[in-house]
Protein backbone atom coordinates (compact mmCIF):
# COMPACT_ATOMS: atom_id res chain seq x y z
CA MET A 1 11.98 -44.55 -18.44
CA ALA A 2 12.44 -41.07 -16.92
CA THR A 3 9.35 -39.06 -16.08
CA ARG A 4 8.89 -35.38 -15.28
CA ALA A 5 7.79 -34.03 -11.92
CA PHE A 6 7.74 -30.58 -10.37
CA GLN A 7 9.72 -29.47 -7.36
CA ARG A 8 8.84 -26.36 -5.35
CA LEU A 9 11.80 -24.14 -4.53
CA PRO A 10 11.83 -21.83 -1.49
CA THR A 11 12.84 -18.90 -3.69
CA ALA A 12 12.21 -17.99 -7.31
CA PRO A 13 14.34 -15.97 -9.78
CA ALA A 14 13.17 -12.40 -10.23
CA GLY A 15 13.13 -12.81 -14.02
CA ARG A 16 10.79 -15.80 -13.83
CA ILE A 17 8.47 -13.98 -11.43
CA LEU A 18 8.31 -10.96 -13.74
CA ALA A 19 7.68 -13.11 -16.83
CA LEU A 20 4.87 -15.07 -15.15
CA ARG A 21 3.32 -11.88 -13.82
CA LEU A 22 3.20 -10.47 -17.34
CA VAL A 23 1.61 -13.71 -18.55
CA ALA A 24 -0.89 -13.55 -15.68
CA ILE A 25 -1.86 -9.98 -16.57
CA VAL A 26 -2.30 -10.88 -20.24
CA VAL A 27 -4.44 -13.92 -19.37
CA SER A 28 -6.60 -11.89 -16.98
CA LEU A 29 -7.07 -9.16 -19.58
CA CYS A 30 -8.17 -11.78 -22.12
CA ILE A 31 -10.72 -13.16 -19.65
CA ILE A 32 -11.95 -9.65 -18.87
CA ALA A 33 -12.24 -8.85 -22.59
CA GLY A 34 -14.32 -11.98 -23.15
CA VAL A 35 -16.68 -11.21 -20.29
CA LEU A 36 -17.09 -7.59 -21.41
CA ALA A 37 -17.79 -8.70 -24.98
CA LEU A 38 -20.49 -11.11 -23.77
CA SER A 39 -22.08 -8.29 -21.74
CA GLY A 40 -22.37 -6.04 -24.80
CA HIS A 41 -19.32 -3.81 -24.32
CA SER A 42 -16.53 -3.39 -26.83
CA PRO A 43 -13.24 -4.49 -25.25
CA VAL A 44 -11.22 -2.70 -27.92
CA MET A 45 -13.07 0.57 -27.41
CA LEU A 46 -12.69 0.32 -23.63
CA ALA A 47 -8.97 -0.48 -23.94
CA GLU A 48 -8.41 2.52 -26.21
CA LEU A 49 -10.38 4.75 -23.84
CA ILE A 50 -8.44 3.55 -20.79
CA LEU A 51 -5.04 4.01 -22.44
CA ARG A 52 -6.00 7.42 -23.76
CA SER A 53 -7.44 8.57 -20.43
CA THR A 54 -4.66 7.25 -18.18
CA LEU A 55 -1.29 6.99 -19.91
CA GLY A 56 -2.18 9.04 -22.97
CA SER A 57 -3.16 12.31 -21.35
CA ARG A 58 -1.61 14.73 -18.89
CA PHE A 59 -4.71 14.61 -16.71
CA GLY A 60 -4.50 10.83 -16.53
CA LEU A 61 -0.81 10.89 -15.62
CA GLU A 62 -1.52 13.43 -12.89
CA ASP A 63 -4.21 11.14 -11.48
CA LEU A 64 -1.77 8.22 -11.54
CA ALA A 65 0.74 10.22 -9.52
CA LEU A 66 -1.91 11.23 -6.98
CA PHE A 67 -2.98 7.60 -6.58
CA MET A 68 0.61 6.41 -6.31
CA CYS A 69 1.62 8.86 -3.57
CA PRO A 70 -0.39 7.28 -0.69
CA LEU A 71 0.08 3.77 -2.09
CA LEU A 72 3.86 4.18 -2.01
CA LEU A 73 3.83 5.05 1.68
CA THR A 74 1.19 2.57 2.87
CA GLY A 75 2.83 -0.14 0.76
CA ALA A 76 6.20 0.70 2.31
CA ALA A 77 4.59 0.69 5.77
CA VAL A 78 3.35 -2.87 5.33
CA THR A 79 6.56 -4.00 3.60
CA VAL A 80 8.90 -2.77 6.32
CA CYS A 81 6.76 -4.49 8.94
CA GLY A 82 6.86 -7.72 6.93
CA THR A 83 10.66 -7.57 6.96
CA ILE A 84 10.64 -8.56 10.62
CA GLY A 85 7.86 -11.11 10.11
CA LEU A 86 4.89 -8.96 11.20
CA TRP A 87 1.74 -7.81 9.41
CA ASN A 88 0.53 -4.24 9.83
CA ILE A 89 -3.10 -4.51 8.72
CA GLY A 90 -3.85 -1.15 10.33
CA ALA A 91 -2.30 1.20 7.77
CA GLU A 92 -5.82 2.47 7.04
CA GLY A 93 -6.31 3.57 10.64
CA GLN A 94 -2.83 5.05 10.86
CA PHE A 95 -3.55 6.92 7.61
CA TYR A 96 -6.62 8.48 9.24
CA ALA A 97 -4.70 9.22 12.44
CA GLY A 98 -2.00 11.06 10.50
CA ALA A 99 -4.61 13.02 8.56
CA ILE A 100 -6.45 13.94 11.79
CA ALA A 101 -3.26 15.08 13.51
CA ALA A 102 -2.16 17.18 10.52
CA THR A 103 -5.62 18.71 10.23
CA GLY A 104 -5.62 19.56 13.93
CA VAL A 105 -2.40 21.51 13.48
CA ALA A 106 -3.73 23.31 10.39
CA LEU A 107 -7.01 24.26 12.10
CA GLY A 108 -5.55 25.15 15.47
CA LEU A 109 -2.40 27.05 14.53
CA HIS A 110 -1.66 29.89 12.15
CA GLY A 111 1.65 30.78 10.60
CA PRO A 112 3.67 30.86 7.38
CA VAL A 113 3.68 27.84 5.09
CA LEU A 114 7.37 27.16 5.76
CA VAL A 115 6.52 26.68 9.43
CA MET A 116 3.12 25.03 9.15
CA LEU A 117 4.04 22.31 6.66
CA PRO A 118 6.88 20.86 8.78
CA LEU A 119 4.61 20.99 11.83
CA MET A 120 1.83 19.19 9.95
CA THR A 121 4.33 16.62 8.68
CA ILE A 122 5.64 15.91 12.17
CA ALA A 123 2.07 15.75 13.49
CA GLY A 124 1.06 13.30 10.75
CA ILE A 125 4.01 10.99 11.45
CA LEU A 126 3.47 11.13 15.22
CA GLY A 127 -0.26 10.55 14.73
CA GLY A 128 0.40 7.33 12.79
CA MET A 129 2.96 6.23 15.37
CA ALA A 130 0.58 6.93 18.24
CA TRP A 131 -2.16 4.90 16.58
CA ILE A 132 0.04 1.82 16.30
CA THR A 133 1.60 2.19 19.77
CA VAL A 134 -0.85 -0.08 21.61
CA PRO A 135 -0.58 -2.96 19.07
CA THR A 136 3.21 -2.47 19.12
CA LEU A 137 3.56 -2.79 22.88
CA ALA A 138 1.03 -5.63 22.98
CA ARG A 139 3.03 -7.55 20.40
CA ALA A 140 6.46 -6.79 21.85
CA TYR A 141 5.69 -7.48 25.52
CA ALA A 142 2.66 -9.79 25.53
CA GLY A 143 2.88 -11.57 22.18
CA VAL A 144 -0.59 -10.37 21.13
CA ASN A 145 -1.24 -10.95 17.44
CA GLU A 146 -0.71 -7.62 15.68
CA ILE A 147 -3.07 -8.55 12.83
CA ILE A 148 -6.16 -8.39 15.08
CA THR A 149 -5.21 -5.29 17.05
CA THR A 150 -4.15 -3.19 14.07
CA LEU A 151 -7.21 -4.24 12.07
CA LEU A 152 -9.70 -3.33 14.80
CA LEU A 153 -8.17 0.11 15.24
CA ASN A 154 -9.00 0.88 11.60
CA PHE A 155 -12.70 1.07 12.40
CA ILE A 156 -12.11 3.31 15.41
CA ALA A 157 -10.03 5.74 13.33
CA SER A 158 -12.67 5.85 10.61
CA LEU A 159 -15.46 6.54 13.11
CA LEU A 160 -13.33 9.19 14.83
CA THR A 161 -12.89 10.92 11.48
CA TYR A 162 -16.65 10.92 10.87
CA TYR A 163 -17.22 12.28 14.39
CA LEU A 164 -14.79 15.16 13.91
CA THR A 165 -16.03 16.08 10.43
CA THR A 166 -19.68 16.10 11.50
CA GLY A 167 -19.08 17.56 14.96
CA PRO A 168 -16.42 19.91 16.34
CA TRP A 169 -14.48 20.31 13.08
CA ARG A 170 -17.43 20.39 10.64
CA ASP A 171 -17.42 22.96 7.87
CA ARG A 172 -19.53 25.84 9.18
CA ILE A 173 -18.76 28.08 6.18
CA SER A 174 -19.93 26.14 3.11
CA GLY A 175 -21.97 23.54 4.97
CA ALA A 176 -20.22 20.65 3.22
CA GLN A 177 -21.28 17.27 4.61
CA VAL A 178 -18.79 15.12 6.57
CA SER A 179 -15.94 17.55 5.98
CA THR A 180 -13.90 20.24 7.63
CA ARG A 181 -13.39 23.61 6.00
CA ARG A 182 -10.65 23.90 3.40
CA LEU A 183 -7.23 24.01 5.05
CA SER A 184 -5.34 27.26 4.69
CA VAL A 185 -2.04 25.39 4.24
CA SER A 186 -1.33 23.00 1.39
CA ILE A 187 1.64 21.22 -0.13
CA PRO A 188 2.84 23.18 -3.19
CA GLU A 189 2.09 21.68 -6.60
CA MET A 190 4.97 20.69 -8.86
CA TRP A 191 3.21 19.57 -12.07
CA GLY A 192 -0.44 20.32 -12.66
CA ILE A 193 -2.30 19.02 -9.62
CA VAL A 194 0.59 16.76 -8.56
CA HIS A 195 2.11 18.03 -5.31
CA TRP A 196 5.64 17.67 -3.98
CA GLY A 197 4.57 14.85 -1.69
CA PHE A 198 4.81 12.48 -4.67
CA PRO A 199 8.59 12.77 -5.28
CA VAL A 200 9.15 12.89 -1.52
CA ALA A 201 7.30 9.55 -1.20
CA ILE A 202 9.52 8.01 -3.88
CA VAL A 203 12.67 9.29 -2.13
CA ILE A 204 11.42 7.85 1.18
CA VAL A 205 10.81 4.42 -0.37
CA VAL A 206 14.24 4.37 -2.04
CA GLY A 207 15.92 5.58 1.15
CA LEU A 208 14.13 2.93 3.18
CA ALA A 209 15.33 0.26 0.75
CA LEU A 210 18.91 1.46 1.20
CA VAL A 211 18.59 1.52 4.99
CA LEU A 212 17.20 -2.02 5.10
CA SER A 213 19.90 -3.39 2.79
CA ARG A 214 22.99 -1.37 3.76
CA THR A 215 22.82 -0.69 7.52
CA ARG A 216 23.31 -2.77 10.64
CA TRP A 217 19.76 -1.89 11.77
CA GLY A 218 18.37 -3.24 8.51
CA TYR A 219 20.45 -6.40 8.82
CA GLU A 220 19.19 -7.01 12.35
CA ILE A 221 15.61 -6.47 11.18
CA ARG A 222 16.00 -9.05 8.42
CA ILE A 223 17.65 -11.57 10.73
CA GLY A 224 14.97 -11.00 13.37
CA GLY A 225 12.30 -11.70 10.80
CA ALA A 226 13.99 -14.78 9.35
CA ASN A 227 14.87 -16.47 12.64
CA PRO A 228 13.96 -14.66 15.89
CA GLU A 229 15.57 -17.28 18.11
CA ALA A 230 18.87 -17.15 16.25
CA ALA A 231 18.73 -13.35 16.36
CA ARG A 232 18.29 -13.40 20.15
CA TYR A 233 21.13 -15.89 20.49
CA ALA A 234 23.33 -13.53 18.44
CA GLY A 235 22.55 -10.69 20.85
CA ILE A 236 20.13 -8.77 18.62
CA PRO A 237 17.47 -6.95 20.72
CA VAL A 238 14.51 -8.41 18.83
CA ARG A 239 11.91 -6.75 21.07
CA LEU A 240 13.36 -3.30 20.52
CA ARG A 241 13.58 -3.97 16.79
CA ILE A 242 9.91 -4.96 16.71
CA ILE A 243 8.99 -1.72 18.46
CA SER A 244 11.10 0.43 16.13
CA VAL A 245 9.82 -1.26 12.97
CA MET A 246 6.16 -1.05 13.93
CA LEU A 247 6.46 2.59 14.96
CA LEU A 248 8.21 3.34 11.66
CA SER A 249 5.43 1.54 9.82
CA GLY A 250 2.77 3.58 11.58
CA GLY A 251 4.68 6.79 10.89
CA LEU A 252 4.85 6.05 7.17
CA ALA A 253 1.10 5.43 6.98
CA GLY A 254 0.45 8.57 9.02
CA LEU A 255 2.62 10.58 6.63
CA ALA A 256 0.51 9.24 3.76
CA GLY A 257 -2.55 10.64 5.51
CA MET A 258 -0.87 14.02 5.94
CA PHE A 259 0.10 14.15 2.25
CA GLU A 260 -3.46 13.28 1.24
CA VAL A 261 -5.13 15.87 3.45
CA ALA A 262 -2.63 18.65 2.72
CA GLY A 263 -1.79 17.88 -0.90
CA THR A 264 -4.79 16.28 -2.57
CA VAL A 265 -8.07 16.70 -0.67
CA HIS A 266 -7.14 19.91 1.23
CA ARG A 267 -9.58 19.08 4.01
CA LEU A 268 -10.37 16.20 6.35
CA GLN A 269 -13.27 14.12 5.02
CA GLY A 270 -15.04 10.98 6.08
CA GLY A 271 -13.93 8.11 3.85
CA MET A 272 -10.99 10.07 2.46
CA ALA A 273 -8.64 7.10 2.91
CA ASN A 274 -10.26 5.41 -0.12
CA ASN A 275 -8.94 2.05 1.14
CA PHE A 276 -5.34 3.19 0.54
CA GLY A 277 -4.34 1.44 3.76
CA TYR A 278 -5.83 -1.88 2.68
CA LEU A 279 -4.49 -1.47 -0.85
CA GLY A 280 -1.07 -0.93 0.72
CA ILE A 281 -1.27 -4.57 1.82
CA VAL A 282 -1.78 -5.60 -1.81
CA VAL A 283 1.15 -3.41 -2.86
CA ALA A 284 3.35 -5.03 -0.21
CA VAL A 285 2.35 -8.53 -1.34
CA LEU A 286 3.16 -7.65 -4.95
CA ALA A 287 6.48 -6.15 -3.81
CA ARG A 288 7.47 -9.49 -2.24
CA GLY A 289 9.34 -7.92 0.67
CA SER A 290 11.39 -5.45 -1.39
CA CYS A 291 10.94 -1.73 -0.79
CA LEU A 292 12.20 -0.95 -4.29
CA ASN A 293 9.51 -3.22 -5.73
CA VAL A 294 6.93 -1.10 -3.92
CA ILE A 295 7.33 1.53 -6.66
CA PRO A 296 6.21 -0.62 -9.66
CA ALA A 297 3.62 -2.36 -7.46
CA ALA A 298 2.13 1.00 -6.47
CA LEU A 299 2.15 2.05 -10.12
CA LEU A 300 0.22 -1.09 -11.09
CA MET A 301 -2.38 -0.50 -8.37
CA ALA A 302 -2.68 3.17 -9.31
CA LEU A 303 -3.22 2.20 -12.95
CA ILE A 304 -5.93 -0.29 -11.93
CA LEU A 305 -7.67 2.35 -9.79
CA ASP A 306 -7.44 4.98 -12.52
CA SER A 307 -8.75 2.50 -15.11
CA GLY A 308 -11.64 1.67 -12.80
CA ILE A 309 -12.72 5.31 -12.74
CA VAL A 310 -12.62 5.42 -16.54
CA MET A 311 -14.70 2.24 -16.82
CA GLN A 312 -17.30 3.61 -14.41
CA THR A 313 -17.94 6.41 -16.91
CA GLN A 314 -19.00 3.67 -19.35
CA GLN A 315 -21.82 2.42 -17.12
CA LEU A 316 -19.79 -0.34 -15.49
CA SER A 317 -20.69 -0.64 -11.81
CA ALA A 318 -18.22 -0.40 -8.95
CA SER A 319 -18.76 -4.10 -8.16
CA VAL A 320 -17.65 -5.03 -11.68
CA ILE A 321 -14.52 -2.91 -11.26
CA LEU A 322 -13.80 -4.64 -7.95
CA ALA A 323 -14.23 -8.05 -9.58
CA ILE A 324 -11.85 -7.10 -12.40
CA THR A 325 -9.27 -5.88 -9.88
CA GLY A 326 -9.62 -9.08 -7.88
CA LEU A 327 -9.18 -11.23 -10.99
CA ILE A 328 -5.97 -9.45 -12.02
CA LEU A 329 -4.48 -9.77 -8.53
CA PHE A 330 -5.61 -13.40 -8.26
CA MET A 331 -3.91 -14.31 -11.55
CA ILE A 332 -0.73 -12.52 -10.44
CA ALA A 333 -0.78 -14.51 -7.20
CA ILE A 334 -1.03 -17.74 -9.21
CA GLY A 335 1.89 -16.63 -11.38
CA ASP A 336 3.97 -15.88 -8.30
CA GLU A 337 3.31 -19.35 -6.92
CA LEU A 338 4.07 -21.09 -10.22
CA ALA A 339 7.40 -19.26 -10.37
CA HIS A 340 8.59 -21.39 -7.44
CA TYR A 341 8.19 -24.67 -9.35
CA ARG A 342 10.65 -26.21 -11.75
CA PRO A 343 10.49 -29.49 -13.64
CA VAL A 344 12.83 -32.27 -12.55
CA ALA A 345 13.47 -35.59 -14.20
CA THR A 346 12.75 -38.66 -12.09
CA THR A 347 13.49 -42.29 -12.81
CA PRO A 348 10.97 -44.82 -11.47
CA ALA A 349 12.49 -47.40 -9.12
CA LYS A 350 12.80 -50.90 -10.55
CA GLY A 351 10.88 -53.65 -8.81
CA LYS A 352 12.89 -56.24 -6.89
CA ALA A 353 13.20 -59.67 -8.43
CA SER A 354 11.18 -62.31 -6.67
């Protein structure tokens, strides 16, 4: 008699992944609703409030766009690094480095907006690239694990930001704590408080997806990530590709920092990264190696972050919000893994006659 077993496939259809992710989100929301009901909160009231405050209002949509902007770039930074088989865990530090470099230009130079914004943009990109240079060279020439080096540099960048905002760059006008003065140059707004960095970030992600899928450079990156030895045998300069990809990754995260400091916060502040670099890792995991998938993944993370702010207004602590976020992502991860399995029919072997 035939029995059923499950076989794990190396790849899974996109439709099955999407369906199981939707199921995972529904299951996690049901669990969250049950826990909230047991704790004395009305799940229906909270759901209505979240939908009304995020997707149902202009203010909520503006917040979603502002959350998405840095997540798009940090998610793309981690995704492009993963294409060649590397993990950039230092997007948070590169975010700070880009913000510091852009702020330095804004505080140290004076000129028209049309001149200052390009200079700040270039400074932000170069700042992110500079911050990842040491891990890049260590990985390319000495084989040092990039996960450790990029992660440790996050703490240095954060401390450097606190030093600058409480020391040489502190706000001497308003006396604001852990902050520089308001920058005189800012990215123009396009819709409410949403600045032009948001559509630029989307264009960058789409353009990066096209480059990775349609160019020789992108092909060599993908081959180098799938099989480095075969890539070297085929004459692909894997070391140079590692250097270019990691520098590009750092530049994207640094640009996210520039957009945040010049478009949203308008000053350098301690803690201004808001874990966007670390959340970029989550976005990249949800994107499953596709730059185009970074866009819906960033939207999901932005919606979760925006919903968390709404729930905090209802006396739910930050730790509860973090637990809810973790549960949703954990269920999605389970759904992604289940998508790789399919049932197969097996027939038990007959015993040999004695």
